[in-house]
């Protein structure tokens, strides 16, 4: 049976790679905060895309419901 090598999580900053488990507790907390913020940004970007799509559809419906100009 072949052994699967499990890679340790790393962080690369300014060309330097750090093992996450070797970081201080404070650095690990800040890394978690960065990841949480990145996830929230992605979530908000998806919500914005949904809102922009809805806006476009409502705008098209509005234009379609305007009285015809003669």
PDB file of N, CA and C in Angstrom:
ATOM      1  N   UNK A   1       0.838  -1.171   0.000  1.00  0.00           N
ATOM      2  CA  UNK A   1       0.000   0.000   0.000  1.00  0.00           C
ATOM      3  C   UNK A   1       0.892   1.246   0.000  1.00  0.00           C
ATOM      4  N   UNK A   2       0.601   2.175  -0.885  1.00  0.00           N
ATOM      5  CA  UNK A   2       1.403   3.391  -1.002  1.00  0.00           C
ATOM      6  C   UNK A   2       0.985   4.381   0.068  1.00  0.00           C
ATOM      7  N   UNK A   3       1.986   5.035   0.627  1.00  0.00           N
ATOM      8  CA  UNK A   3       1.700   6.062   1.633  1.00  0.00           C
ATOM      9  C   UNK A   3       1.423   7.383   0.935  1.00  0.00           C
ATOM     10  N   UNK A   4       0.403   8.057   1.401  1.00  0.00           N
ATOM     11  CA  UNK A   4       0.067   9.371   0.867  1.00  0.00           C
ATOM     12  C   UNK A   4       0.713  10.419   1.754  1.00  0.00           C
ATOM     13  N   UNK A   5       1.486  11.296   1.145  1.00  0.00           N
ATOM     14  CA  UNK A   5       2.136  12.353   1.909  1.00  0.00           C
ATOM     15  C   UNK A   5       1.127  13.457   2.179  1.00  0.00           C
ATOM     16  N   UNK A   6       0.960  13.762   3.435  1.00  0.00           N
ATOM     17  CA  UNK A   6       0.049  14.837   3.831  1.00  0.00           C
ATOM     18  C   UNK A   6       0.872  16.116   3.939  1.00  0.00           C
ATOM     19  N   UNK A   7       0.499  17.106   3.172  1.00  0.00           N
ATOM     20  CA  UNK A   7       1.228  18.367   3.162  1.00  0.00           C
ATOM     21  C   UNK A   7       0.720  19.270   4.284  1.00  0.00           C
ATOM     22  N   UNK A   8       1.669  19.875   4.973  1.00  0.00           N
ATOM     23  CA  UNK A   8       1.313  20.826   6.022  1.00  0.00           C
ATOM     24  C   UNK A   8       0.835  22.123   5.387  1.00  0.00           C
ATOM     25  N   UNK A   9      -0.178  22.767   5.980  1.00  0.00           N
ATOM     26  CA  UNK A   9      -0.621  24.053   5.446  1.00  0.00           C
ATOM     27  C   UNK A   9       0.497  25.094   5.559  1.00  0.00           C
ATOM     28  N   UNK A  10       0.619  25.895   4.528  1.00  0.00           N
ATOM     29  CA  UNK A  10       1.651  26.935   4.517  1.00  0.00           C
ATOM     30  C   UNK A  10       1.046  28.275   4.140  1.00  0.00           C
ATOM     31  N   UNK A  11       1.795  29.302   4.429  1.00  0.00           N
ATOM     32  CA  UNK A  11       1.443  30.673   4.078  1.00  0.00           C
ATOM     33  C   UNK A  11       2.665  31.263   3.389  1.00  0.00           C
ATOM     34  N   UNK A  12       2.463  31.838   2.205  1.00  0.00           N
ATOM     35  CA  UNK A  12       3.565  32.502   1.510  1.00  0.00           C
ATOM     36  C   UNK A  12       3.291  33.996   1.480  1.00  0.00           C
ATOM     37  N   UNK A  13       4.260  34.762   1.960  1.00  0.00           N
ATOM     38  CA  UNK A  13       4.151  36.221   1.995  1.00  0.00           C
ATOM     39  C   UNK A  13       5.503  36.799   1.609  1.00  0.00           C
ATOM     40  N   UNK A  14       5.490  37.710   0.637  1.00  0.00           N
ATOM     41  CA  UNK A  14       6.721  38.335   0.149  1.00  0.00           C
ATOM     42  C   UNK A  14       7.768  37.298  -0.252  1.00  0.00           C
ATOM     43  N   UNK A  15       7.303  36.210  -0.871  1.00  0.00           N
ATOM     44  CA  UNK A  15       8.218  35.194  -1.360  1.00  0.00           C
ATOM     45  C   UNK A  15       8.741  34.248  -0.296  1.00  0.00           C
ATOM     46  N   UNK A  16       8.313  34.411   0.940  1.00  0.00           N
ATOM     47  CA  UNK A  16       8.757  33.536   2.028  1.00  0.00           C
ATOM     48  C   UNK A  16       7.595  32.622   2.411  1.00  0.00           C
ATOM     49  N   UNK A  17       7.868  31.320   2.494  1.00  0.00           N
ATOM     50  CA  UNK A  17       6.842  30.353   2.860  1.00  0.00           C
ATOM     51  C   UNK A  17       7.004  29.970   4.326  1.00  0.00           C
ATOM     52  N   UNK A  18       5.897  30.047   5.062  1.00  0.00           N
ATOM     53  CA  UNK A  18       5.872  29.718   6.482  1.00  0.00           C
ATOM     54  C   UNK A  18       4.950  28.515   6.694  1.00  0.00           C
ATOM     55  N   UNK A  19       5.327  27.621   7.585  1.00  0.00           N
ATOM     56  CA  UNK A  19       4.421  26.552   7.991  1.00  0.00           C
ATOM     57  C   UNK A  19       3.435  27.168   8.986  1.00  0.00           C
ATOM     58  N   UNK A  20       2.165  26.978   8.724  1.00  0.00           N
ATOM     59  CA  UNK A  20       1.141  27.595   9.573  1.00  0.00           C
ATOM     60  C   UNK A  20       1.288  27.138  11.023  1.00  0.00           C
ATOM     61  N   UNK A  21       1.578  25.855  11.210  1.00  0.00           N
ATOM     62  CA  UNK A  21       1.690  25.343  12.580  1.00  0.00           C
ATOM     63  C   UNK A  21       2.895  25.912  13.331  1.00  0.00           C
ATOM     64  N   UNK A  22       3.863  26.469  12.600  1.00  0.00           N
ATOM     65  CA  UNK A  22       5.025  27.086  13.241  1.00  0.00           C
ATOM     66  C   UNK A  22       4.783  28.550  13.598  1.00  0.00           C
ATOM     67  N   UNK A  23       3.692  29.122  13.125  1.00  0.00           N
ATOM     68  CA  UNK A  23       3.386  30.529  13.410  1.00  0.00           C
ATOM     69  C   UNK A  23       2.929  30.683  14.858  1.00  0.00           C
ATOM     70  N   UNK A  24       3.087  31.872  15.379  1.00  0.00           N
ATOM     71  CA  UNK A  24       2.599  32.141  16.733  1.00  0.00           C
ATOM     72  C   UNK A  24       1.078  32.020  16.761  1.00  0.00           C
ATOM     73  N   UNK A  25       0.549  31.894  17.945  1.00  0.00           N
ATOM     74  CA  UNK A  25      -0.906  31.818  18.104  1.00  0.00           C
ATOM     75  C   UNK A  25      -1.572  33.070  17.541  1.00  0.00           C
ATOM     76  N   UNK A  26      -0.958  34.219  17.782  1.00  0.00           N
ATOM     77  CA  UNK A  26      -1.498  35.488  17.277  1.00  0.00           C
ATOM     78  C   UNK A  26      -1.506  35.510  15.751  1.00  0.00           C
ATOM     79  N   UNK A  27      -0.418  35.054  15.141  1.00  0.00           N
ATOM     80  CA  UNK A  27      -0.351  35.025  13.679  1.00  0.00           C
ATOM     81  C   UNK A  27      -1.393  34.061  13.111  1.00  0.00           C
ATOM     82  N   UNK A  28      -1.590  32.920  13.764  1.00  0.00           N
ATOM     83  CA  UNK A  28      -2.605  31.969  13.301  1.00  0.00           C
ATOM     84  C   UNK A  28      -4.003  32.565  13.414  1.00  0.00           C
ATOM     85  N   UNK A  29      -4.264  33.321  14.479  1.00  0.00           N
ATOM     86  CA  UNK A  29      -5.565  33.996  14.632  1.00  0.00           C
ATOM     87  C   UNK A  29      -5.768  35.018  13.521  1.00  0.00           C
ATOM     88  N   UNK A  30      -4.729  35.786  13.215  1.00  0.00           N
ATOM     89  CA  UNK A  30      -4.847  36.792  12.166  1.00  0.00           C
ATOM     90  C   UNK A  30      -5.042  36.134  10.800  1.00  0.00           C
ATOM     91  N   UNK A  31      -4.369  35.011  10.561  1.00  0.00           N
ATOM     92  CA  UNK A  31      -4.564  34.273   9.317  1.00  0.00           C
ATOM     93  C   UNK A  31      -6.009  33.801   9.202  1.00  0.00           C
ATOM     94  N   UNK A  32      -6.572  33.316  10.299  1.00  0.00           N
ATOM     95  CA  UNK A  32      -7.974  32.893  10.297  1.00  0.00           C
ATOM     96  C   UNK A  32      -8.883  34.088  10.004  1.00  0.00           C
ATOM     97  N   UNK A  33      -8.561  35.249  10.585  1.00  0.00           N
ATOM     98  CA  UNK A  33      -9.357  36.453  10.332  1.00  0.00           C
ATOM     99  C   UNK A  33      -9.293  36.856   8.865  1.00  0.00           C
ATOM    100  N   UNK A  34      -8.109  36.745   8.261  1.00  0.00           N
ATOM    101  CA  UNK A  34      -7.969  37.057   6.834  1.00  0.00           C
ATOM    102  C   UNK A  34      -8.842  36.123   6.011  1.00  0.00           C
ATOM    103  N   UNK A  35      -8.826  34.835   6.328  1.00  0.00           N
ATOM    104  CA  UNK A  35      -9.634  33.861   5.583  1.00  0.00           C
ATOM    105  C   UNK A  35     -11.133  34.138   5.752  1.00  0.00           C
ATOM    106  N   UNK A  36     -11.533  34.497   6.966  1.00  0.00           N
ATOM    107  CA  UNK A  36     -12.942  34.823   7.218  1.00  0.00           C
ATOM    108  C   UNK A  36     -13.344  36.050   6.401  1.00  0.00           C
ATOM    109  N   UNK A  37     -12.477  37.068   6.382  1.00  0.00           N
ATOM    110  CA  UNK A  37     -12.769  38.278   5.606  1.00  0.00           C
ATOM    111  C   UNK A  37     -12.845  37.960   4.115  1.00  0.00           C
ATOM    112  N   UNK A  38     -11.942  37.114   3.606  1.00  0.00           N
ATOM    113  CA  UNK A  38     -11.976  36.740   2.197  1.00  0.00           C
ATOM    114  C   UNK A  38     -13.272  36.007   1.851  1.00  0.00           C
ATOM    115  N   UNK A  39     -13.708  35.122   2.735  1.00  0.00           N
ATOM    116  CA  UNK A  39     -14.970  34.409   2.505  1.00  0.00           C
ATOM    117  C   UNK A  39     -16.155  35.372   2.490  1.00  0.00           C
ATOM    118  N   UNK A  40     -16.138  36.349   3.382  1.00  0.00           N
ATOM    119  CA  UNK A  40     -17.227  37.332   3.428  1.00  0.00           C
ATOM    120  C   UNK A  40     -17.226  38.188   2.168  1.00  0.00           C
ATOM    121  N   UNK A  41     -16.053  38.555   1.684  1.00  0.00           N
ATOM    122  CA  UNK A  41     -15.968  39.322   0.433  1.00  0.00           C
ATOM    123  C   UNK A  41     -16.562  38.521  -0.712  1.00  0.00           C
ATOM    124  N   UNK A  42     -16.224  37.229  -0.802  1.00  0.00           N
ATOM    125  CA  UNK A  42     -16.788  36.377  -1.867  1.00  0.00           C
ATOM    126  C   UNK A  42     -18.310  36.286  -1.750  1.00  0.00           C
ATOM    127  N   UNK A  43     -18.806  36.133  -0.509  1.00  0.00           N
ATOM    128  CA  UNK A  43     -20.255  36.044  -0.282  1.00  0.00           C
ATOM    129  C   UNK A  43     -20.937  37.334  -0.719  1.00  0.00           C
ATOM    130  N   UNK A  44     -20.353  38.465  -0.355  1.00  0.00           N
ATOM    131  CA  UNK A  44     -20.938  39.749  -0.730  1.00  0.00           C
ATOM    132  C   UNK A  44     -20.869  39.993  -2.233  1.00  0.00           C
ATOM    133  N   UNK A  45     -19.790  39.545  -2.871  1.00  0.00           N
ATOM    134  CA  UNK A  45     -19.691  39.678  -4.325  1.00  0.00           C
ATOM    135  C   UNK A  45     -20.800  38.874  -5.019  1.00  0.00           C
ATOM    136  N   UNK A  46     -21.104  37.684  -4.490  1.00  0.00           N
ATOM    137  CA  UNK A  46     -22.195  36.881  -5.061  1.00  0.00           C
ATOM    138  C   UNK A  46     -23.536  37.584  -4.855  1.00  0.00           C
ATOM    139  N   UNK A  47     -23.746  38.141  -3.661  1.00  0.00           N
ATOM    140  CA  UNK A  47     -24.995  38.867  -3.409  1.00  0.00           C
ATOM    141  C   UNK A  47     -25.110  40.081  -4.326  1.00  0.00           C
ATOM    142  N   UNK A  48     -24.016  40.782  -4.555  1.00  0.00           N
ATOM    143  CA  UNK A  48     -24.021  41.936  -5.455  1.00  0.00           C
ATOM    144  C   UNK A  48     -24.378  41.495  -6.874  1.00  0.00           C
ATOM    145  N   UNK A  49     -23.809  40.377  -7.322  1.00  0.00           N
ATOM    146  CA  UNK A  49     -24.120  39.876  -8.664  1.00  0.00           C
ATOM    147  C   UNK A  49     -25.608  39.543  -8.782  1.00  0.00           C
ATOM    148  N   UNK A  50     -26.175  38.963  -7.740  1.00  0.00           N
ATOM    149  CA  UNK A  50     -27.610  38.646  -7.740  1.00  0.00           C
ATOM    150  C   UNK A  50     -28.427  39.938  -7.795  1.00  0.00           C
ATOM    151  N   UNK A  51     -28.050  40.925  -6.992  1.00  0.00           N
ATOM    152  CA  UNK A  51     -28.774  42.200  -6.966  1.00  0.00           C
ATOM    153  C   UNK A  51     -28.666  42.925  -8.308  1.00  0.00           C
ATOM    154  N   UNK A  52     -27.490  42.866  -8.937  1.00  0.00           N
ATOM    155  CA  UNK A  52     -27.320  43.514 -10.238  1.00  0.00           C
ATOM    156  C   UNK A  52     -28.169  42.826 -11.307  1.00  0.00           C
ATOM    157  N   UNK A  53     -28.259  41.514 -11.251  1.00  0.00           N
ATOM    158  CA  UNK A  53     -29.099  40.774 -12.191  1.00  0.00           C
ATOM    159  C   UNK A  53     -30.561  41.130 -11.987  1.00  0.00           C
ATOM    160  N   UNK A  54     -30.995  41.198 -10.726  1.00  0.00           N
ATOM    161  CA  UNK A  54     -32.381  41.567 -10.426  1.00  0.00           C
ATOM    162  C   UNK A  54     -32.652  42.996 -10.894  1.00  0.00           C
ATOM    163  N   UNK A  55     -31.725  43.899 -10.665  1.00  0.00           N
ATOM    164  CA  UNK A  55     -31.890  45.287 -11.094  1.00  0.00           C
ATOM    165  C   UNK A  55     -32.097  45.353 -12.600  1.00  0.00           C
ATOM    166  N   UNK A  56     -31.297  44.621 -13.327  1.00  0.00           N
ATOM    167  CA  UNK A  56     -31.410  44.613 -14.785  1.00  0.00           C
ATOM    168  C   UNK A  56     -32.771  44.077 -15.228  1.00  0.00           C
ATOM    169  N   UNK A  57     -33.213  43.002 -14.596  1.00  0.00           N
ATOM    170  CA  UNK A  57     -34.517  42.426 -14.946  1.00  0.00           C
ATOM    171  C   UNK A  57     -35.650  43.398 -14.622  1.00  0.00           C
ATOM    172  N   UNK A  58     -35.590  44.058 -13.464  1.00  0.00           N
ATOM    173  CA  UNK A  58     -36.624  45.027 -13.100  1.00  0.00           C
ATOM    174  C   UNK A  58     -36.625  46.210 -14.063  1.00  0.00           C
ATOM    175  N   UNK A  59     -35.434  46.649 -14.457  1.00  0.00           N
ATOM    176  CA  UNK A  59     -35.328  47.762 -15.383  1.00  0.00           C
ATOM    177  C   UNK A  59     -35.947  47.394 -16.731  1.00  0.00           C
ATOM    178  N   UNK A  60     -35.676  46.181 -17.199  1.00  0.00           N
ATOM    179  CA  UNK A  60     -36.270  45.723 -18.465  1.00  0.00           C
ATOM    180  C   UNK A  60     -37.785  45.637 -18.352  1.00  0.00           C
ATOM    181  N   UNK A  61     -38.278  45.153 -17.218  1.00  0.00           N
ATOM    182  CA  UNK A  61     -39.720  45.062 -17.005  1.00  0.00           C
ATOM    183  C   UNK A  61     -40.342  46.457 -16.960  1.00  0.00           C
ATOM    184  N   UNK A  62     -39.656  47.405 -16.360  1.00  0.00           N
ATOM    185  CA  UNK A  62     -40.144  48.783 -16.306  1.00  0.00           C
ATOM    186  C   UNK A  62     -40.257  49.359 -17.720  1.00  0.00           C
ATOM    187  N   UNK A  63     -39.205  49.206 -18.491  1.00  0.00           N
ATOM    188  CA  UNK A  63     -39.213  49.734 -19.859  1.00  0.00           C
ATOM    189  C   UNK A  63     -40.339  49.098 -20.661  1.00  0.00           C
ATOM    190  N   UNK A  64     -40.553  47.804 -20.469  1.00  0.00           N
ATOM    191  CA  UNK A  64     -41.604  47.108 -21.203  1.00  0.00           C
ATOM    192  C   UNK A  64     -42.988  47.586 -20.777  1.00  0.00           C
ATOM    193  N   UNK A  65     -43.130  48.080 -19.554  1.00  0.00           N
ATOM    194  CA  UNK A  65     -44.453  48.498 -19.072  1.00  0.00           C
ATOM    195  C   UNK A  65     -44.735  49.971 -19.314  1.00  0.00           C
ATOM    196  N   UNK A  66     -43.783  50.718 -19.829  1.00  0.00           N
ATOM    197  CA  UNK A  66     -44.019  52.137 -20.126  1.00  0.00           C
ATOM    198  C   UNK A  66     -44.979  52.259 -21.314  1.00  0.00           C
ATOM    199  N   UNK A  67     -45.787  53.304 -21.307  1.00  0.00           N
ATOM    200  CA  UNK A  67     -46.709  53.477 -22.442  1.00  0.00           C
ATOM    201  C   UNK A  67     -45.920  53.756 -23.721  1.00  0.00           C
ATOM    202  N   UNK A  68     -46.460  53.272 -24.801  1.00  0.00           N
ATOM    203  CA  UNK A  68     -45.830  53.497 -26.115  1.00  0.00           C
ATOM    204  C   UNK A  68     -45.895  54.965 -26.462  1.00  0.00           C
ATOM    205  N   UNK A  69     -44.831  55.462 -27.062  1.00  0.00           N
ATOM    206  CA  UNK A  69     -44.831  56.873 -27.495  1.00  0.00           C
ATOM    207  C   UNK A  69     -45.230  56.927 -28.976  1.00  0.00           C
ATOM    208  N   UNK A  70     -46.082  57.862 -29.258  1.00  0.00           N
ATOM    209  CA  UNK A  70     -46.563  58.005 -30.634  1.00  0.00           C
ATOM    210  C   UNK A  70     -45.921  59.200 -31.276  1.00  0.00           C
TER     211      UNK A  70
END
